[in-house]
Amino acid sequence: MKSSRPGLYPTLWRRLYSVWFRHMRVYTKHLFSNGFPPFLEPLIFLVGIGLGLGRFIETMDGLQYIVFLGTALPVTAAMWTSAFECSFGTFIRLEFEKVYDGMLAAPLTAENLIVGEIIWAGTKGLFFSLSVTVILLLFKIVHLPHALLGPAVGFLTGLMFGCLSLYITSFVKTINHFNFYMTGLLSPMFFFSGVVFPTSELPRVVRPFAEVVPLTHSVQLVRAVVLSNYRLRHLGDLAYIVVFIAVVGYLAVRRLTKRLVY
């Protein structure tokens, strides 16, 4: 309840920041174990897949294959980290650790808490995208200054999949149900969104699926910004991402608020 005495109730920004700050403190408590894998995973993927297949595939969609593959990795990293954070992470905080019960005892609303979760998911997307971008720069797959825009798309991707994952979480009753989300939606999305081969090479039956799912638009946008190869359709990709965050985020806040309060 809002205090009748002015200045005692925190501002909206302060409330959202408190949720973000709590998650940041928990995450950085084990900074090495949490922060090192984002640098290691893209390195393994590039060596194992990019350099391996690159020996047999010279170009893909007009790009050297390792460049085609590498330029998509900043947003796939953002997708996975934000999806795990706002599915398994949120569910554990909600059902097992009861973290949200304590947080709601503070001058926070349920809406503040959920929006703070989404902002934290975007921040992790930014960090993981930046980690991948550093590896890509070391391999000279991308170049400055355009590569610095990749993490910005990673932030938007983190927000987008944070919203989607929270919306999925609002329906989940047992933690094992997330296996359907990870294996049934995110894994196919990884392969059919233009990450490892262009969506134009997909069968006509599958192509509409690729155009609807959110990762496709993140991949197209991040390739455009890091390679400075902009086309008019990329405005559509950006509009898709913004509308997705607004609509799915609203649905996630609405459903999870009921679950937290009632």
Protein backbone atom coordinates (compact mmCIF):
# COMPACT_ATOMS: atom_id res chain seq x y z
CA MET A 1 0.00 0.00 0.00
CA LYS A 2 1.29 3.42 -0.88
CA SER A 3 2.32 5.54 2.07
CA SER A 4 0.31 8.66 2.83
CA ARG A 5 3.52 10.44 3.79
CA PRO A 6 5.28 11.80 0.68
CA GLY A 7 8.84 10.67 0.08
CA LEU A 8 8.55 7.41 2.05
CA TYR A 9 7.29 5.22 -0.80
CA PRO A 10 10.06 4.45 -3.31
CA THR A 11 9.73 5.69 -6.85
CA LEU A 12 8.90 3.23 -9.63
CA TRP A 13 12.46 3.35 -10.87
CA ARG A 14 13.77 2.59 -7.36
CA ARG A 15 11.41 -0.38 -6.97
CA LEU A 16 12.41 -1.89 -10.32
CA TYR A 17 16.06 -1.28 -9.54
CA SER A 18 15.75 -3.08 -6.20
CA VAL A 19 14.53 -6.24 -7.95
CA TRP A 20 17.31 -5.99 -10.53
CA PHE A 21 19.91 -5.30 -7.82
CA ARG A 22 18.83 -8.32 -5.77
CA HIS A 23 19.31 -10.64 -8.76
CA MET A 24 22.60 -9.00 -9.68
CA ARG A 25 23.98 -9.52 -6.17
CA VAL A 26 22.97 -13.19 -6.17
CA TYR A 27 24.45 -13.73 -9.64
CA THR A 28 27.78 -12.02 -8.89
CA LYS A 29 28.17 -13.89 -5.59
CA HIS A 30 29.68 -16.69 -7.69
CA LEU A 31 30.98 -14.48 -10.46
CA PHE A 32 33.62 -16.81 -11.90
CA SER A 33 31.39 -19.88 -12.17
CA ASN A 34 28.54 -17.78 -13.56
CA GLY A 35 30.58 -15.43 -15.74
CA PHE A 36 33.20 -17.73 -17.28
CA PRO A 37 30.92 -20.14 -19.25
CA PRO A 38 29.47 -17.33 -21.45
CA PHE A 39 32.99 -16.83 -22.84
CA LEU A 40 33.78 -20.55 -23.10
CA GLU A 41 30.57 -21.80 -24.75
CA PRO A 42 30.78 -19.73 -27.97
CA LEU A 43 34.46 -20.63 -28.28
CA ILE A 44 33.63 -24.34 -28.16
CA PHE A 45 30.73 -23.88 -30.58
CA LEU A 46 32.80 -21.92 -33.08
CA VAL A 47 35.66 -24.42 -33.00
CA GLY A 48 33.44 -27.50 -33.05
CA ILE A 49 30.81 -26.36 -35.55
CA GLY A 50 32.06 -23.24 -37.29
CA LEU A 51 35.60 -24.37 -38.05
CA GLY A 52 34.54 -28.00 -38.54
CA LEU A 53 31.71 -27.40 -41.01
CA GLY A 54 33.57 -24.41 -42.42
CA ARG A 55 36.01 -26.82 -44.05
CA PHE A 56 33.17 -28.25 -46.14
CA ILE A 57 30.92 -25.18 -46.54
CA GLU A 58 32.69 -22.21 -48.08
CA THR A 59 29.88 -19.66 -48.06
CA MET A 60 26.35 -19.43 -46.73
CA ASP A 61 23.95 -16.72 -47.88
CA GLY A 62 26.86 -14.77 -49.36
CA LEU A 63 28.98 -14.93 -46.18
CA GLN A 64 31.88 -17.09 -45.10
CA TYR A 65 30.22 -19.86 -43.10
CA ILE A 66 31.96 -19.11 -39.80
CA VAL A 67 30.83 -15.48 -40.18
CA PHE A 68 27.28 -16.55 -40.98
CA LEU A 69 27.20 -18.79 -37.92
CA GLY A 70 29.13 -16.52 -35.57
CA THR A 71 27.05 -13.41 -36.16
CA ALA A 72 23.93 -15.24 -34.92
CA LEU A 73 25.48 -16.50 -31.69
CA PRO A 74 25.11 -13.26 -29.65
CA VAL A 75 21.31 -13.54 -29.74
CA THR A 76 21.14 -17.33 -29.31
CA ALA A 77 23.20 -16.90 -26.13
CA ALA A 78 20.77 -14.18 -25.00
CA MET A 79 17.82 -16.44 -25.77
CA TRP A 80 19.09 -19.40 -23.75
CA THR A 81 20.19 -17.43 -20.68
CA SER A 82 17.00 -15.36 -20.42
CA ALA A 83 14.82 -18.42 -21.08
CA PHE A 84 16.48 -20.41 -18.30
CA GLU A 85 16.46 -17.43 -15.93
CA CYS A 86 12.74 -16.73 -16.32
CA SER A 87 11.59 -20.36 -16.45
CA PHE A 88 13.58 -22.59 -14.11
CA GLY A 89 14.98 -19.64 -12.16
CA THR A 90 11.65 -17.92 -11.66
CA PHE A 91 9.86 -21.16 -10.82
CA ILE A 92 12.47 -22.08 -8.18
CA ARG A 93 12.24 -18.63 -6.61
CA LEU A 94 8.45 -18.86 -6.69
CA GLU A 95 7.75 -22.41 -5.53
CA PHE A 96 10.84 -23.71 -3.70
CA GLU A 97 12.81 -20.82 -2.24
CA LYS A 98 9.75 -18.58 -1.66
CA VAL A 99 11.91 -15.57 -2.49
CA TYR A 100 8.99 -13.56 -3.82
CA ASP A 101 7.08 -13.84 -0.55
CA GLY A 102 9.83 -11.87 1.17
CA MET A 103 10.18 -9.40 -1.67
CA LEU A 104 6.47 -8.64 -1.68
CA ALA A 105 6.69 -7.82 2.03
CA ALA A 106 8.79 -4.82 0.95
CA PRO A 107 7.16 -1.78 -0.68
CA LEU A 108 6.93 -3.61 -4.03
CA THR A 109 3.92 -4.59 -6.07
CA ALA A 110 3.71 -7.90 -7.92
CA GLU A 111 3.85 -5.94 -11.18
CA ASN A 112 7.09 -4.25 -10.07
CA LEU A 113 8.59 -7.62 -9.26
CA ILE A 114 7.73 -9.19 -12.63
CA VAL A 115 8.89 -6.18 -14.65
CA GLY A 116 12.12 -6.24 -12.63
CA GLU A 117 12.53 -9.90 -13.61
CA ILE A 118 12.13 -8.97 -17.28
CA ILE A 119 14.73 -6.20 -16.99
CA TRP A 120 17.13 -8.63 -15.31
CA ALA A 121 16.57 -11.12 -18.16
CA GLY A 122 17.45 -8.36 -20.63
CA THR A 123 20.59 -7.55 -18.63
CA LYS A 124 21.73 -11.18 -18.73
CA GLY A 125 21.00 -11.21 -22.45
CA LEU A 126 23.21 -8.13 -22.80
CA PHE A 127 26.04 -9.69 -20.78
CA PHE A 128 25.96 -13.03 -22.61
CA SER A 129 25.78 -11.27 -26.00
CA LEU A 130 28.73 -9.11 -25.04
CA SER A 131 30.69 -12.22 -24.01
CA VAL A 132 30.05 -13.85 -27.38
CA THR A 133 30.94 -10.61 -29.18
CA VAL A 134 34.31 -10.51 -27.41
CA ILE A 135 35.06 -14.03 -28.69
CA LEU A 136 33.95 -13.07 -32.21
CA LEU A 137 36.24 -10.04 -32.11
CA LEU A 138 39.18 -12.19 -31.00
CA PHE A 139 38.51 -14.57 -33.92
CA LYS A 140 38.20 -11.50 -36.21
CA ILE A 141 34.77 -12.71 -37.31
CA VAL A 142 33.24 -9.30 -36.59
CA HIS A 143 34.91 -5.92 -36.35
CA LEU A 144 34.62 -2.68 -34.44
CA PRO A 145 32.70 -0.41 -34.21
CA HIS A 146 29.63 -2.17 -35.67
CA ALA A 147 30.10 -5.23 -33.45
CA LEU A 148 29.29 -3.11 -30.39
CA LEU A 149 25.65 -2.92 -31.52
CA GLY A 150 25.27 -6.70 -31.23
CA PRO A 151 24.84 -6.71 -27.43
CA ALA A 152 22.06 -4.11 -27.81
CA VAL A 153 20.12 -6.63 -29.89
CA GLY A 154 21.04 -9.20 -27.25
CA PHE A 155 19.40 -7.00 -24.62
CA LEU A 156 16.18 -6.83 -26.65
CA THR A 157 16.34 -10.59 -27.21
CA GLY A 158 16.76 -11.12 -23.47
CA LEU A 159 13.71 -8.98 -22.79
CA MET A 160 11.72 -10.86 -25.44
CA PHE A 161 12.51 -14.35 -24.22
CA GLY A 162 12.25 -13.23 -20.61
CA CYS A 163 8.65 -12.17 -21.33
CA LEU A 164 7.90 -15.41 -23.19
CA SER A 165 9.43 -17.58 -20.46
CA LEU A 166 7.55 -15.79 -17.68
CA TYR A 167 4.33 -16.26 -19.62
CA ILE A 168 5.09 -19.99 -19.95
CA THR A 169 6.00 -20.12 -16.25
CA SER A 170 2.58 -18.72 -15.34
CA PHE A 171 1.02 -21.99 -16.61
CA VAL A 172 3.58 -24.45 -15.24
CA LYS A 173 2.63 -26.50 -12.19
CA THR A 174 5.71 -28.71 -11.90
CA ILE A 175 9.29 -27.92 -12.89
CA ASN A 176 9.51 -30.94 -15.22
CA HIS A 177 7.01 -29.28 -17.57
CA PHE A 178 9.76 -26.90 -18.69
CA ASN A 179 11.25 -29.79 -20.66
CA PHE A 180 8.43 -29.34 -23.18
CA TYR A 181 9.30 -25.65 -23.50
CA MET A 182 13.04 -26.20 -23.90
CA THR A 183 12.94 -29.25 -26.18
CA GLY A 184 9.65 -28.59 -27.91
CA LEU A 185 10.04 -24.89 -28.71
CA LEU A 186 13.48 -23.41 -28.04
CA SER A 187 15.60 -26.21 -29.52
CA PRO A 188 13.68 -26.37 -32.84
CA MET A 189 13.69 -22.56 -32.91
CA PHE A 190 17.49 -22.59 -32.69
CA PHE A 191 17.78 -24.73 -35.83
CA PHE A 192 14.95 -23.22 -37.87
CA SER A 193 15.56 -19.49 -37.30
CA GLY A 194 18.45 -18.91 -39.66
CA VAL A 195 21.24 -19.60 -37.17
CA VAL A 196 22.97 -22.53 -38.90
CA PHE A 197 21.45 -22.11 -42.38
CA PRO A 198 19.22 -19.50 -44.06
CA THR A 199 15.47 -19.73 -43.54
CA SER A 200 15.08 -19.40 -47.31
CA GLU A 201 16.48 -22.94 -47.62
CA LEU A 202 13.73 -24.42 -45.45
CA PRO A 203 10.88 -26.42 -47.02
CA ARG A 204 7.83 -24.30 -47.78
CA VAL A 205 5.83 -26.11 -45.11
CA VAL A 206 8.30 -25.11 -42.37
CA ARG A 207 9.07 -21.59 -43.60
CA PRO A 208 5.95 -19.92 -42.07
CA PHE A 209 6.98 -21.31 -38.66
CA ALA A 210 10.42 -19.74 -39.06
CA GLU A 211 8.93 -16.35 -39.90
CA VAL A 212 6.59 -16.36 -36.89
CA VAL A 213 9.01 -17.39 -34.11
CA PRO A 214 10.86 -14.56 -32.34
CA LEU A 215 14.44 -15.80 -32.70
CA THR A 216 14.33 -15.40 -36.49
CA HIS A 217 13.86 -11.64 -36.16
CA SER A 218 16.63 -11.31 -33.59
CA VAL A 219 19.03 -13.25 -35.82
CA GLN A 220 18.21 -11.14 -38.88
CA LEU A 221 18.56 -7.92 -36.91
CA VAL A 222 21.85 -8.81 -35.20
CA ARG A 223 23.44 -9.86 -38.51
CA ALA A 224 22.37 -6.55 -40.00
CA VAL A 225 23.87 -4.43 -37.21
CA VAL A 226 27.17 -6.26 -36.68
CA LEU A 227 27.85 -6.42 -40.43
CA SER A 228 26.38 -2.94 -41.07
CA ASN A 229 24.21 -4.41 -43.81
CA TYR A 230 20.82 -2.78 -43.30
CA ARG A 231 17.70 -3.39 -45.35
CA LEU A 232 14.17 -2.10 -45.05
CA ARG A 233 12.90 -5.44 -43.73
CA HIS A 234 15.05 -5.02 -40.64
CA LEU A 235 12.70 -2.26 -39.48
CA GLY A 236 10.03 -4.95 -39.52
CA ASP A 237 12.27 -7.19 -37.39
CA LEU A 238 12.73 -4.40 -34.85
CA ALA A 239 9.00 -3.65 -34.82
CA TYR A 240 8.23 -7.35 -34.29
CA ILE A 241 10.57 -7.50 -31.28
CA VAL A 242 9.14 -4.35 -29.68
CA VAL A 243 5.52 -5.46 -30.17
CA PHE A 244 6.34 -8.97 -28.91
CA ILE A 245 7.89 -7.58 -25.72
CA ALA A 246 4.91 -5.28 -25.12
CA VAL A 247 2.17 -7.85 -25.78
CA VAL A 248 3.71 -10.98 -24.25
CA GLY A 249 5.17 -8.95 -21.39
CA TYR A 250 1.71 -7.59 -20.57
CA LEU A 251 0.24 -11.11 -20.61
CA ALA A 252 3.06 -12.43 -18.43
CA VAL A 253 2.64 -9.63 -15.87
CA ARG A 254 -1.11 -10.11 -15.79
CA ARG A 255 -1.02 -13.89 -15.30
CA LEU A 256 1.88 -14.03 -12.84
CA THR A 257 0.42 -11.20 -10.75
CA LYS A 258 -2.65 -13.36 -10.14
CA ARG A 259 -0.42 -16.28 -9.19
CA LEU A 260 1.65 -14.21 -6.79
CA VAL A 261 -1.19 -12.35 -5.10
CA TYR A 262 -4.05 -14.86 -4.97
